[in-house]
């Protein structure tokens, strides 16, 4: 009888300890997720501000030198810490710090993005996406958009490797 009572007591104690551990793990996961969300929000606001400043700098450069062929996109990438796409009125990347993306047609590949590009071009206002995970690479990316004052082009920026969000 004593052995049976001890067995039942130890079993209940083990179950109780296990439930406590599960509860503590759940609380730790919730706290971690909440902390990560805060970090993304704060970092996202900071990077959005930087992207806005960089977009304005590019638009000012365009006002002085409207021929993108004269621009050194690799030097701009280093200076701004951002990769750059210049998108024409047909939604095609005409110039970029990533040469392999020149010629990409957003009207063909990204129908949802095309509507947003049209709105950005019409408004002339700066806009930025929230942080999102790229489907192909799995990396967290953030993009911003701003049309030139003549509305012929959109500058699309996103942090280059040295501003990557990995490891947050």
C-alpha atoms as a PDB file:
ATOM      1  CA  UNK A   1       0.000   0.000   0.000  1.00  0.00           C
ATOM      2  CA  UNK A   2       2.845   2.399   0.879  1.00  0.00           C
ATOM      3  CA  UNK A   3       4.595   1.649  -2.440  1.00  0.00           C
ATOM      4  CA  UNK A   4       1.359   2.244  -4.350  1.00  0.00           C
ATOM      5  CA  UNK A   5       0.738   5.516  -2.507  1.00  0.00           C
ATOM      6  CA  UNK A   6       4.315   6.672  -3.152  1.00  0.00           C
ATOM      7  CA  UNK A   7       4.003   5.714  -6.814  1.00  0.00           C
ATOM      8  CA  UNK A   8       0.784   7.714  -7.223  1.00  0.00           C
ATOM      9  CA  UNK A   9       2.271  10.696  -5.343  1.00  0.00           C
ATOM     10  CA  UNK A  10       5.471  10.643  -7.458  1.00  0.00           C
ATOM     11  CA  UNK A  11       3.430  10.275 -10.639  1.00  0.00           C
ATOM     12  CA  UNK A  12       1.271  13.290  -9.719  1.00  0.00           C
ATOM     13  CA  UNK A  13       4.389  15.263  -8.796  1.00  0.00           C
ATOM     14  CA  UNK A  14       6.040  14.369 -12.124  1.00  0.00           C
ATOM     15  CA  UNK A  15       2.921  15.391 -14.060  1.00  0.00           C
ATOM     16  CA  UNK A  16       2.692  18.643 -12.083  1.00  0.00           C
ATOM     17  CA  UNK A  17       6.365  19.421 -12.693  1.00  0.00           C
ATOM     18  CA  UNK A  18       5.945  18.661 -16.381  1.00  0.00           C
ATOM     19  CA  UNK A  19       2.921  20.974 -16.621  1.00  0.00           C
ATOM     20  CA  UNK A  20       4.866  23.719 -14.817  1.00  0.00           C
ATOM     21  CA  UNK A  21       7.770  23.307 -17.229  1.00  0.00           C
ATOM     22  CA  UNK A  22       5.431  23.451 -20.237  1.00  0.00           C
ATOM     23  CA  UNK A  23       3.785  26.610 -18.849  1.00  0.00           C
ATOM     24  CA  UNK A  24       7.189  28.224 -18.243  1.00  0.00           C
ATOM     25  CA  UNK A  25       8.301  27.342 -21.771  1.00  0.00           C
ATOM     26  CA  UNK A  26       5.105  28.814 -23.224  1.00  0.00           C
ATOM     27  CA  UNK A  27       5.656  32.036 -21.263  1.00  0.00           C
ATOM     28  CA  UNK A  28       9.272  32.202 -22.440  1.00  0.00           C
ATOM     29  CA  UNK A  29       8.233  31.737 -26.074  1.00  0.00           C
ATOM     30  CA  UNK A  30       5.544  34.428 -25.767  1.00  0.00           C
ATOM     31  CA  UNK A  31       8.046  36.834 -24.177  1.00  0.00           C
ATOM     32  CA  UNK A  32      10.593  36.107 -26.910  1.00  0.00           C
ATOM     33  CA  UNK A  33       8.053  36.648 -29.686  1.00  0.00           C
ATOM     34  CA  UNK A  34       6.917  39.898 -28.096  1.00  0.00           C
ATOM     35  CA  UNK A  35      10.537  41.068 -27.821  1.00  0.00           C
ATOM     36  CA  UNK A  36      11.259  40.156 -31.453  1.00  0.00           C
ATOM     37  CA  UNK A  37       8.143  42.032 -32.583  1.00  0.00           C
ATOM     38  CA  UNK A  38       9.309  45.118 -30.677  1.00  0.00           C
ATOM     39  CA  UNK A  39      12.783  44.842 -32.206  1.00  0.00           C
ATOM     40  CA  UNK A  40      11.329  44.532 -35.715  1.00  0.00           C
ATOM     41  CA  UNK A  41       9.085  47.533 -35.113  1.00  0.00           C
ATOM     42  CA  UNK A  42      11.902  49.723 -33.784  1.00  0.00           C
ATOM     43  CA  UNK A  43      14.397  48.567 -36.380  1.00  0.00           C
ATOM     44  CA  UNK A  44      11.758  48.908 -39.088  1.00  0.00           C
ATOM     45  CA  UNK A  45      11.076  52.528 -38.130  1.00  0.00           C
ATOM     46  CA  UNK A  46      14.798  53.306 -38.127  1.00  0.00           C
ATOM     47  CA  UNK A  47      15.430  51.676 -41.493  1.00  0.00           C
ATOM     48  CA  UNK A  48      12.340  53.387 -42.979  1.00  0.00           C
ATOM     49  CA  UNK A  49      13.748  56.756 -41.943  1.00  0.00           C
ATOM     50  CA  UNK A  50      17.096  55.885 -43.505  1.00  0.00           C
ATOM     51  CA  UNK A  51      15.373  54.719 -46.683  1.00  0.00           C
ATOM     52  CA  UNK A  52      13.392  57.957 -46.908  1.00  0.00           C
ATOM     53  CA  UNK A  53      16.586  60.037 -46.585  1.00  0.00           C
ATOM     54  CA  UNK A  54      18.338  57.874 -49.179  1.00  0.00           C
ATOM     55  CA  UNK A  55      15.378  58.141 -51.584  1.00  0.00           C
ATOM     56  CA  UNK A  56      15.365  61.930 -51.295  1.00  0.00           C
ATOM     57  CA  UNK A  57      19.125  61.990 -51.908  1.00  0.00           C
ATOM     58  CA  UNK A  58      18.630  59.923 -55.073  1.00  0.00           C
ATOM     59  CA  UNK A  59      15.828  62.176 -56.295  1.00  0.00           C
ATOM     60  CA  UNK A  60      18.003  65.222 -55.722  1.00  0.00           C
ATOM     61  CA  UNK A  61      20.792  63.513 -57.681  1.00  0.00           C
ATOM     62  CA  UNK A  62      18.290  62.806 -60.470  1.00  0.00           C
ATOM     63  CA  UNK A  63      17.349  66.489 -60.596  1.00  0.00           C
ATOM     64  CA  UNK A  64      21.026  67.353 -61.154  1.00  0.00           C
ATOM     65  CA  UNK A  65      21.886  64.374 -63.381  1.00  0.00           C
ATOM     66  CA  UNK A  66      18.783  62.830 -64.999  1.00  0.00           C
ATOM     67  CA  UNK A  67      20.819  60.354 -67.074  1.00  0.00           C
ATOM     68  CA  UNK A  68      21.061  57.172 -65.013  1.00  0.00           C
ATOM     69  CA  UNK A  69      23.728  55.927 -67.430  1.00  0.00           C
ATOM     70  CA  UNK A  70      26.056  58.444 -65.779  1.00  0.00           C
ATOM     71  CA  UNK A  71      25.437  57.138 -62.269  1.00  0.00           C
ATOM     72  CA  UNK A  72      27.760  54.739 -60.467  1.00  0.00           C
ATOM     73  CA  UNK A  73      25.254  52.426 -58.819  1.00  0.00           C
ATOM     74  CA  UNK A  74      27.923  50.387 -57.017  1.00  0.00           C
ATOM     75  CA  UNK A  75      29.314  53.537 -55.388  1.00  0.00           C
ATOM     76  CA  UNK A  76      25.781  54.614 -54.446  1.00  0.00           C
ATOM     77  CA  UNK A  77      25.148  51.194 -52.929  1.00  0.00           C
ATOM     78  CA  UNK A  78      28.260  51.562 -50.780  1.00  0.00           C
ATOM     79  CA  UNK A  79      27.396  55.140 -49.837  1.00  0.00           C
ATOM     80  CA  UNK A  80      23.775  54.463 -48.910  1.00  0.00           C
ATOM     81  CA  UNK A  81      24.045  50.876 -47.698  1.00  0.00           C
ATOM     82  CA  UNK A  82      21.091  50.150 -49.965  1.00  0.00           C
ATOM     83  CA  UNK A  83      20.585  48.259 -53.172  1.00  0.00           C
ATOM     84  CA  UNK A  84      18.814  50.362 -55.774  1.00  0.00           C
ATOM     85  CA  UNK A  85      16.375  49.669 -58.586  1.00  0.00           C
ATOM     86  CA  UNK A  86      15.357  52.377 -61.009  1.00  0.00           C
ATOM     87  CA  UNK A  87      11.967  51.422 -62.440  1.00  0.00           C
ATOM     88  CA  UNK A  88      10.649  53.162 -65.549  1.00  0.00           C
ATOM     89  CA  UNK A  89       7.047  54.048 -66.403  1.00  0.00           C
ATOM     90  CA  UNK A  90       6.587  50.567 -67.945  1.00  0.00           C
ATOM     91  CA  UNK A  91       7.525  49.013 -64.580  1.00  0.00           C
ATOM     92  CA  UNK A  92      10.817  47.636 -65.903  1.00  0.00           C
ATOM     93  CA  UNK A  93      14.083  47.906 -63.971  1.00  0.00           C
ATOM     94  CA  UNK A  94      16.311  49.997 -66.215  1.00  0.00           C
ATOM     95  CA  UNK A  95      19.260  50.500 -63.838  1.00  0.00           C
ATOM     96  CA  UNK A  96      20.309  48.824 -60.628  1.00  0.00           C
ATOM     97  CA  UNK A  97      23.122  48.151 -58.218  1.00  0.00           C
ATOM     98  CA  UNK A  98      22.275  44.492 -58.910  1.00  0.00           C
ATOM     99  CA  UNK A  99      23.079  44.168 -62.613  1.00  0.00           C
ATOM    100  CA  UNK A 100      21.382  40.770 -62.896  1.00  0.00           C
ATOM    101  CA  UNK A 101      18.003  42.400 -62.185  1.00  0.00           C
ATOM    102  CA  UNK A 102      18.185  44.998 -64.967  1.00  0.00           C
ATOM    103  CA  UNK A 103      15.388  44.237 -67.420  1.00  0.00           C
ATOM    104  CA  UNK A 104      13.095  42.644 -64.832  1.00  0.00           C
ATOM    105  CA  UNK A 105       9.529  43.536 -65.760  1.00  0.00           C
ATOM    106  CA  UNK A 106       7.293  43.926 -62.717  1.00  0.00           C
ATOM    107  CA  UNK A 107       4.227  44.076 -64.982  1.00  0.00           C
ATOM    108  CA  UNK A 108       4.941  40.459 -65.979  1.00  0.00           C
ATOM    109  CA  UNK A 109       6.183  38.954 -62.734  1.00  0.00           C
ATOM    110  CA  UNK A 110       4.436  40.854 -60.003  1.00  0.00           C
ATOM    111  CA  UNK A 111       0.897  41.968 -60.822  1.00  0.00           C
ATOM    112  CA  UNK A 112       0.116  43.045 -57.237  1.00  0.00           C
ATOM    113  CA  UNK A 113       3.259  45.151 -57.125  1.00  0.00           C
ATOM    114  CA  UNK A 114       2.385  46.824 -60.427  1.00  0.00           C
ATOM    115  CA  UNK A 115      -0.704  48.479 -58.915  1.00  0.00           C
ATOM    116  CA  UNK A 116       1.333  49.773 -55.991  1.00  0.00           C
ATOM    117  CA  UNK A 117       3.986  51.117 -58.391  1.00  0.00           C
ATOM    118  CA  UNK A 118       1.295  52.963 -60.361  1.00  0.00           C
ATOM    119  CA  UNK A 119      -0.061  54.505 -57.138  1.00  0.00           C
ATOM    120  CA  UNK A 120       3.430  55.514 -56.002  1.00  0.00           C
ATOM    121  CA  UNK A 121       4.203  57.086 -59.351  1.00  0.00           C
ATOM    122  CA  UNK A 122       0.926  59.023 -59.348  1.00  0.00           C
ATOM    123  CA  UNK A 123       1.267  60.270 -55.770  1.00  0.00           C
ATOM    124  CA  UNK A 124       4.975  61.022 -55.848  1.00  0.00           C
ATOM    125  CA  UNK A 125       5.052  60.176 -52.146  1.00  0.00           C
ATOM    126  CA  UNK A 126       7.545  57.990 -50.318  1.00  0.00           C
ATOM    127  CA  UNK A 127       6.222  54.589 -49.301  1.00  0.00           C
ATOM    128  CA  UNK A 128       7.801  51.627 -47.587  1.00  0.00           C
ATOM    129  CA  UNK A 129       6.717  48.053 -47.103  1.00  0.00           C
ATOM    130  CA  UNK A 130       6.736  46.414 -43.749  1.00  0.00           C
ATOM    131  CA  UNK A 131       9.469  43.903 -43.185  1.00  0.00           C
ATOM    132  CA  UNK A 132       8.704  40.644 -44.915  1.00  0.00           C
ATOM    133  CA  UNK A 133      10.363  37.310 -45.564  1.00  0.00           C
ATOM    134  CA  UNK A 134      11.459  36.777 -49.154  1.00  0.00           C
ATOM    135  CA  UNK A 135       9.941  33.598 -50.517  1.00  0.00           C
ATOM    136  CA  UNK A 136      13.029  32.529 -52.462  1.00  0.00           C
ATOM    137  CA  UNK A 137      15.842  33.301 -50.000  1.00  0.00           C
ATOM    138  CA  UNK A 138      13.995  33.250 -46.682  1.00  0.00           C
ATOM    139  CA  UNK A 139      15.740  36.499 -45.729  1.00  0.00           C
ATOM    140  CA  UNK A 140      13.876  39.354 -44.133  1.00  0.00           C
ATOM    141  CA  UNK A 141      13.631  42.269 -46.538  1.00  0.00           C
ATOM    142  CA  UNK A 142      12.136  45.728 -46.555  1.00  0.00           C
ATOM    143  CA  UNK A 143      11.533  47.811 -49.669  1.00  0.00           C
ATOM    144  CA  UNK A 144      10.825  51.487 -50.188  1.00  0.00           C
ATOM    145  CA  UNK A 145       9.519  53.362 -53.210  1.00  0.00           C
ATOM    146  CA  UNK A 146       9.573  56.972 -54.299  1.00  0.00           C
ATOM    147  CA  UNK A 147       8.807  58.461 -57.705  1.00  0.00           C
ATOM    148  CA  UNK A 148      10.917  61.113 -59.346  1.00  0.00           C
ATOM    149  CA  UNK A 149       9.299  64.540 -59.444  1.00  0.00           C
ATOM    150  CA  UNK A 150       8.641  64.174 -63.189  1.00  0.00           C
ATOM    151  CA  UNK A 151       6.997  60.788 -62.367  1.00  0.00           C
ATOM    152  CA  UNK A 152       9.000  59.002 -65.061  1.00  0.00           C
ATOM    153  CA  UNK A 153      10.821  56.705 -62.669  1.00  0.00           C
ATOM    154  CA  UNK A 154      10.564  55.100 -59.263  1.00  0.00           C
ATOM    155  CA  UNK A 155      13.553  54.529 -57.024  1.00  0.00           C
ATOM    156  CA  UNK A 156      13.108  51.242 -55.168  1.00  0.00           C
ATOM    157  CA  UNK A 157      15.527  50.752 -52.287  1.00  0.00           C
ATOM    158  CA  UNK A 158      16.245  47.868 -49.981  1.00  0.00           C
ATOM    159  CA  UNK A 159      19.063  47.282 -47.506  1.00  0.00           C
ATOM    160  CA  UNK A 160      22.108  45.665 -49.029  1.00  0.00           C
ATOM    161  CA  UNK A 161      24.026  42.881 -47.308  1.00  0.00           C
ATOM    162  CA  UNK A 162      25.619  45.123 -44.696  1.00  0.00           C
ATOM    163  CA  UNK A 163      22.180  46.270 -43.519  1.00  0.00           C
ATOM    164  CA  UNK A 164      20.603  42.822 -43.657  1.00  0.00           C
ATOM    165  CA  UNK A 165      18.052  41.921 -41.010  1.00  0.00           C
ATOM    166  CA  UNK A 166      19.467  38.447 -40.371  1.00  0.00           C
ATOM    167  CA  UNK A 167      20.420  37.806 -36.799  1.00  0.00           C
ATOM    168  CA  UNK A 168      17.848  40.104 -35.194  1.00  0.00           C
END
